[in-house]
Protein backbone atom coordinates (compact mmCIF):
# COMPACT_ATOMS: atom_id res chain seq x y z
CA THR A 1 -4.46 -3.15 -7.32
CA VAL A 2 -6.13 0.55 -8.25
CA TYR A 3 -6.40 1.12 -12.03
CA THR A 4 -7.45 4.92 -12.09
CA LEU A 5 -8.13 6.95 -15.29
CA MET A 6 -8.72 10.22 -15.21
CA VAL A 7 -11.82 10.84 -18.72
CA PRO A 8 -13.55 13.87 -19.85
CA THR A 9 -16.94 13.27 -19.17
CA ALA A 10 -18.41 15.46 -21.98
CA ASP A 11 -16.75 12.73 -24.59
CA SER A 12 -18.47 9.71 -24.24
CA ALA A 13 -16.70 8.33 -26.74
CA LEU A 14 -13.34 8.83 -24.60
CA LEU A 15 -15.73 7.31 -22.41
CA ASP A 16 -16.42 4.20 -24.00
CA LYS A 17 -12.43 3.72 -24.74
CA SER A 18 -12.05 4.22 -21.07
CA ILE A 19 -14.33 1.42 -20.15
CA ALA A 20 -13.21 -1.10 -23.08
CA VAL A 21 -9.63 -0.73 -20.91
CA LEU A 22 -10.24 -1.42 -17.68
CA SER A 23 -11.86 -4.49 -18.65
CA GLU A 24 -8.39 -5.51 -20.70
CA PHE A 25 -7.20 -5.02 -17.13
CA ALA A 26 -9.40 -6.21 -15.84
CA ALA A 27 -10.19 -9.72 -17.78
CA ARG A 28 -8.02 -8.99 -20.69
CA ILE A 29 -3.89 -9.73 -20.09
CA ARG A 30 -2.06 -11.27 -21.62
CA CYS A 31 0.81 -12.85 -19.77
CA ALA A 32 3.80 -13.57 -22.64
CA PRO A 33 6.95 -14.71 -21.56
CA GLU A 34 8.62 -11.33 -24.08
CA ASP A 35 6.17 -9.02 -21.97
CA LEU A 36 7.51 -10.10 -19.04
CA ALA A 37 11.11 -10.06 -20.18
CA LYS A 38 10.47 -6.52 -20.67
CA GLU A 39 8.94 -5.98 -16.87
CA ARG A 40 11.72 -7.60 -15.71
CA GLY A 41 14.16 -5.00 -15.83
CA ALA A 42 11.90 -2.57 -14.45
CA VAL A 43 10.99 -4.58 -11.30
CA MET A 44 14.81 -4.79 -11.18
CA GLU A 45 15.72 -0.95 -11.79
CA GLU A 46 12.66 -0.29 -9.34
CA LEU A 47 14.65 -3.24 -6.39
CA ARG A 48 18.11 -0.80 -7.13
CA MET A 49 16.75 2.47 -6.25
CA SER A 50 16.06 0.96 -2.71
CA ASN A 51 18.81 0.45 -2.07
CA ASP A 52 20.15 3.22 -1.03
CA SER A 53 20.63 4.91 3.02
CA GLY A 54 16.69 5.42 3.26
CA GLY A 55 15.48 2.15 1.75
CA ARG A 56 18.07 0.46 4.16
CA VAL A 57 17.07 2.18 6.59
CA ALA A 58 13.02 1.22 5.65
CA THR A 59 14.11 -2.22 5.25
CA ALA A 60 15.67 -3.37 8.48
CA HIS A 61 12.51 -1.25 10.25
CA TRP A 62 10.32 -3.44 8.15
CA LYS A 63 11.85 -6.59 9.26
CA LEU A 64 11.82 -5.51 13.09
CA LEU A 65 7.77 -5.24 12.13
CA LEU A 66 8.27 -7.88 10.56
CA GLN A 67 9.46 -10.54 12.31
CA GLY A 68 8.09 -13.74 12.77
CA CYS A 69 6.60 -14.08 9.44
CA ARG A 70 7.92 -15.18 5.56
CA TYR A 71 7.80 -10.59 5.26
CA GLU A 72 11.01 -10.74 7.45
CA ASN A 73 13.71 -12.28 4.57
CA ARG A 74 11.17 -12.02 2.16
CA LEU A 75 9.76 -7.74 1.34
CA PRO A 76 6.66 -7.96 -1.54
CA ILE A 77 8.76 -6.91 -4.14
CA GLY A 78 10.76 -10.46 -4.04
CA LEU A 79 13.87 -11.94 -4.50
CA GLU A 80 16.14 -11.39 -7.05
CA SER A 81 16.25 -14.92 -8.08
CA VAL A 82 12.65 -15.02 -8.85
CA ILE A 83 12.52 -10.93 -10.29
CA LYS A 84 15.21 -12.21 -12.52
CA GLY A 85 14.01 -16.29 -13.48
CA VAL A 86 9.96 -16.61 -12.60
CA PRO A 87 8.10 -17.56 -15.66
CA ALA A 88 5.66 -16.74 -17.15
CA ASP A 89 3.18 -19.56 -16.93
CA THR A 90 3.48 -18.52 -12.94
CA ILE A 91 2.83 -15.13 -12.94
CA ALA A 92 -0.41 -15.76 -15.37
CA ALA A 93 -1.02 -18.59 -12.16
CA PHE A 94 -0.89 -16.11 -10.02
CA TYR A 95 -3.15 -14.02 -11.64
CA ARG A 96 -6.01 -16.35 -12.40
CA ARG A 97 -5.99 -17.17 -8.43
CA TRP A 98 -6.10 -14.02 -7.27
CA TYR A 99 -7.84 -11.71 -9.34
CA LEU A 100 -11.40 -12.92 -9.41
CA PRO A 101 -14.61 -10.73 -10.35
CA HIS A 102 -16.14 -10.62 -7.01
CA ARG A 103 -12.94 -8.93 -5.43
CA MET A 104 -13.01 -6.20 -8.72
CA ALA A 105 -14.83 -3.20 -7.82
CA VAL A 106 -15.19 -0.56 -10.60
CA VAL A 107 -16.66 3.00 -9.95
CA VAL A 108 -16.92 5.99 -11.57
CA VAL A 109 -17.33 9.13 -10.36
CA GLY A 110 -18.51 12.66 -12.10
CA ASP A 111 -21.06 14.81 -13.52
CA PHE A 112 -22.68 12.27 -16.30
CA PRO A 113 -25.65 13.58 -17.71
CA ASP A 114 -26.90 10.32 -17.69
CA PRO A 115 -25.56 8.09 -14.96
CA SER A 116 -27.83 4.78 -16.49
CA ALA A 117 -26.03 5.33 -19.92
CA VAL A 118 -22.57 4.71 -17.75
CA LEU A 119 -23.86 1.01 -16.28
CA SER A 120 -24.65 0.60 -19.59
CA LEU A 121 -20.97 0.96 -21.05
CA ILE A 122 -19.58 -0.95 -17.80
CA GLN A 123 -22.10 -3.99 -18.46
CA GLN A 124 -21.62 -3.67 -22.13
CA HIS A 125 -17.42 -4.32 -22.06
CA LEU A 126 -16.91 -6.11 -18.76
CA GLY A 127 -19.80 -8.83 -18.82
CA PRO A 128 -18.42 -9.99 -21.59
CA ALA A 129 -14.90 -9.73 -21.22
CA PHE A 130 -15.34 -11.79 -17.75
CA GLU A 131 -17.22 -13.96 -19.78
CA GLU A 132 -14.62 -15.19 -22.43
CA ALA A 133 -11.99 -15.29 -19.66
CA ALA A 134 -14.05 -17.62 -18.03
CA ALA A 135 -14.44 -19.72 -21.49
CA ALA A 136 -10.53 -19.39 -22.39
CA GLY A 137 -9.85 -21.04 -18.78
CA LEU A 138 -8.08 -17.41 -17.90
CA LEU A 139 -10.91 -17.39 -14.72
CA GLN A 140 -13.36 -18.25 -13.04
CA LEU A 141 -16.20 -16.58 -12.41
CA GLN A 142 -17.05 -17.69 -8.67
CA GLY A 143 -14.99 -19.18 -5.98
CA GLY A 144 -11.55 -18.59 -5.46
CA PRO A 145 -10.03 -19.23 -2.44
CA GLU A 146 -10.26 -16.50 0.71
CA VAL A 147 -7.92 -16.12 2.85
CA PRO A 148 -9.05 -14.69 6.30
CA ARG A 149 -8.36 -11.55 8.17
CA VAL A 150 -6.24 -12.68 11.18
CA VAL A 151 -2.81 -11.41 13.45
CA PRO A 152 -0.13 -13.19 13.12
CA ASP A 153 0.92 -14.83 16.49
CA SER A 154 4.14 -13.56 15.11
CA TRP A 155 2.97 -10.63 15.49
CA GLN A 156 1.09 -10.22 18.94
CA HIS A 157 3.80 -9.21 21.79
CA SER A 158 4.00 -7.97 24.96
CA GLU A 159 7.24 -6.47 25.01
CA PRO A 160 8.44 -3.61 22.48
CA ARG A 161 10.79 -4.70 20.15
CA PHE A 162 13.33 -2.39 18.60
CA CYS A 163 17.03 -2.52 16.40
CA VAL A 164 19.39 0.13 16.19
CA PHE A 165 20.63 0.12 12.27
CA ALA A 166 24.03 2.43 11.70
CA ASP A 167 24.49 3.15 7.85
CA ARG A 168 27.71 5.23 6.45
CA GLU A 169 25.49 7.86 3.61
CA ALA A 170 22.93 8.38 6.42
CA GLN A 171 22.67 12.10 6.03
CA ASP A 172 20.99 12.69 9.18
CA SER A 173 19.79 10.89 12.66
CA ALA A 174 16.11 9.36 12.59
CA LEU A 175 14.03 6.81 14.71
CA TYR A 176 10.89 5.61 14.30
CA LEU A 177 8.24 4.21 16.38
CA SER A 178 5.80 1.84 15.59
CA TRP A 179 2.72 0.54 17.29
CA LYS A 180 0.07 -1.75 15.61
CA VAL A 181 -3.53 -2.14 16.44
CA PRO A 182 -5.85 -4.18 14.31
CA SER A 183 -7.48 -2.65 10.81
CA ARG A 184 -10.79 -1.22 11.15
CA PRO A 185 -13.65 -2.08 8.57
CA THR A 186 -15.50 1.20 6.67
CA ALA A 187 -18.27 -0.61 5.71
CA THR A 188 -20.42 1.82 7.74
CA PRO A 189 -20.65 5.97 7.89
CA ALA A 190 -19.93 5.39 11.64
CA GLN A 191 -16.98 3.34 11.11
CA TYR A 192 -16.09 6.17 7.89
CA LEU A 193 -16.49 8.54 11.33
CA GLU A 194 -14.11 6.93 12.93
CA VAL A 195 -11.95 6.87 10.25
CA MET A 196 -12.43 11.15 9.62
CA LYS A 197 -11.82 11.46 13.20
CA ASP A 198 -8.75 9.40 13.00
CA ILE A 199 -7.59 11.85 10.15
CA LEU A 200 -8.29 15.22 12.09
CA PHE A 201 -6.52 13.71 15.23
CA GLN A 202 -3.34 12.70 12.99
CA ALA A 203 -3.30 16.08 11.26
CA CYS A 204 -4.09 18.59 14.68
CA PHE A 205 -1.06 16.71 16.32
CA ASN A 206 1.74 16.79 13.27
CA SER A 207 0.85 21.03 13.21
CA ARG A 208 1.96 20.88 17.19
CA LEU A 209 5.03 18.91 15.62
CA TYR A 210 5.34 21.19 12.95
CA HIS A 211 5.40 24.29 15.22
CA MET A 212 7.77 22.62 17.36
CA SER A 213 9.96 21.80 14.65
CA ARG A 214 10.54 25.83 14.24
CA ALA A 215 11.20 26.60 17.79
CA ARG A 216 14.55 28.74 17.95
CA ASP A 217 16.40 25.50 19.35
CA PRO A 218 14.00 22.84 18.40
CA LEU A 219 14.34 19.15 19.80
CA PHE A 220 13.95 17.25 16.44
CA PHE A 221 14.34 18.68 12.43
CA SER A 222 10.60 17.32 11.23
CA ALA A 223 8.16 14.86 12.97
CA SER A 224 5.31 13.31 11.53
CA LEU A 225 2.84 10.91 12.67
CA ALA A 226 1.10 8.66 9.43
CA ASP A 227 -1.27 5.55 9.57
CA GLU A 228 -0.49 2.62 6.86
CA SER A 229 -1.97 -0.81 6.47
CA ALA A 230 1.17 -3.80 7.15
CA CYS A 231 -1.82 -6.38 6.37
CA ALA A 232 -5.18 -6.89 5.84
CA ALA A 233 -5.33 -7.54 9.63
CA VAL A 234 -3.66 -5.26 11.53
CA ASP A 235 -2.99 -1.60 10.73
CA MET A 236 -0.04 0.47 12.45
CA TYR A 237 0.29 3.76 13.49
CA VAL A 238 3.86 5.27 12.54
CA LEU A 239 5.69 8.57 14.21
CA GLY A 240 8.62 9.32 12.19
CA VAL A 241 11.28 11.89 13.50
CA VAL A 242 14.17 13.30 11.80
CA CYS A 243 16.72 14.71 14.60
CA GLU A 244 20.29 16.09 15.49
CA ASP A 245 23.21 13.45 15.58
CA ARG A 246 23.66 11.88 19.20
CA LYS A 247 20.24 13.62 20.26
CA THR A 248 18.21 11.22 19.49
CA LEU A 249 17.60 10.51 23.07
CA ARG A 250 16.38 13.74 23.29
CA ALA A 251 13.76 13.75 20.09
CA LEU A 252 12.57 10.55 20.96
CA GLU A 253 10.95 12.26 24.82
CA ALA A 254 10.09 15.39 23.34
CA VAL A 255 7.47 13.26 20.35
CA LEU A 256 5.92 10.95 23.55
CA THR A 257 5.35 14.13 25.44
CA GLU A 258 4.00 15.94 22.93
CA LEU A 259 1.96 12.88 22.17
CA ALA A 260 0.71 11.94 25.78
CA ARG A 261 -0.28 15.46 26.72
CA VAL A 262 -2.35 15.35 23.65
């Protein structure tokens, strides 16, 4: 969860107020039943909006990738029955369990005339917020459950998995290829350099795919490679292709040949 506020650096009063707002996000939330009732409709609408052709294709794709773990039958947005009926106490307990100070970070970036003054504002607002929340029993300042970064056994398979999904509302043919890889840390400059190399490769490869799609008789309409996080321990490279109906094998061969070429 990331909260971002864009604030003019020249207005010290507004900066002070913005950091105070961040402290409320961090430790002064209210999870009353009436608040939760207002949010249920918003989440249900998000669930309904995902129930179109593209959303159903994405769900089928994720179920295949997450086969064998709980996400296969319960995507992060949750079940409709839970969205409609979960009590506020359960939401608050989840917050107290996971939203702990030692898991939070505050980053302030800008052309500040006095960076030390900004640091003082952070200490001034977030310190008391955490102390008040701890005194009220809303969170603990230290400890809390730790989640090991392990790859689920069900995600480790020697044979490729595949599925064919048909939807009457689909407007084109598409295929997705995913490769699972261990997540890479970015704690050191050397590790960050490897990530930047990866980003550069994706940009170059996507440029090649774009030029192929602009040919007079293209093998596919569009294609792109991207990386995304599946969980704390697993990242994925996903190659998506949109192509002409009944010519998916031709498009698949084209993108894999180009990938092998580079």
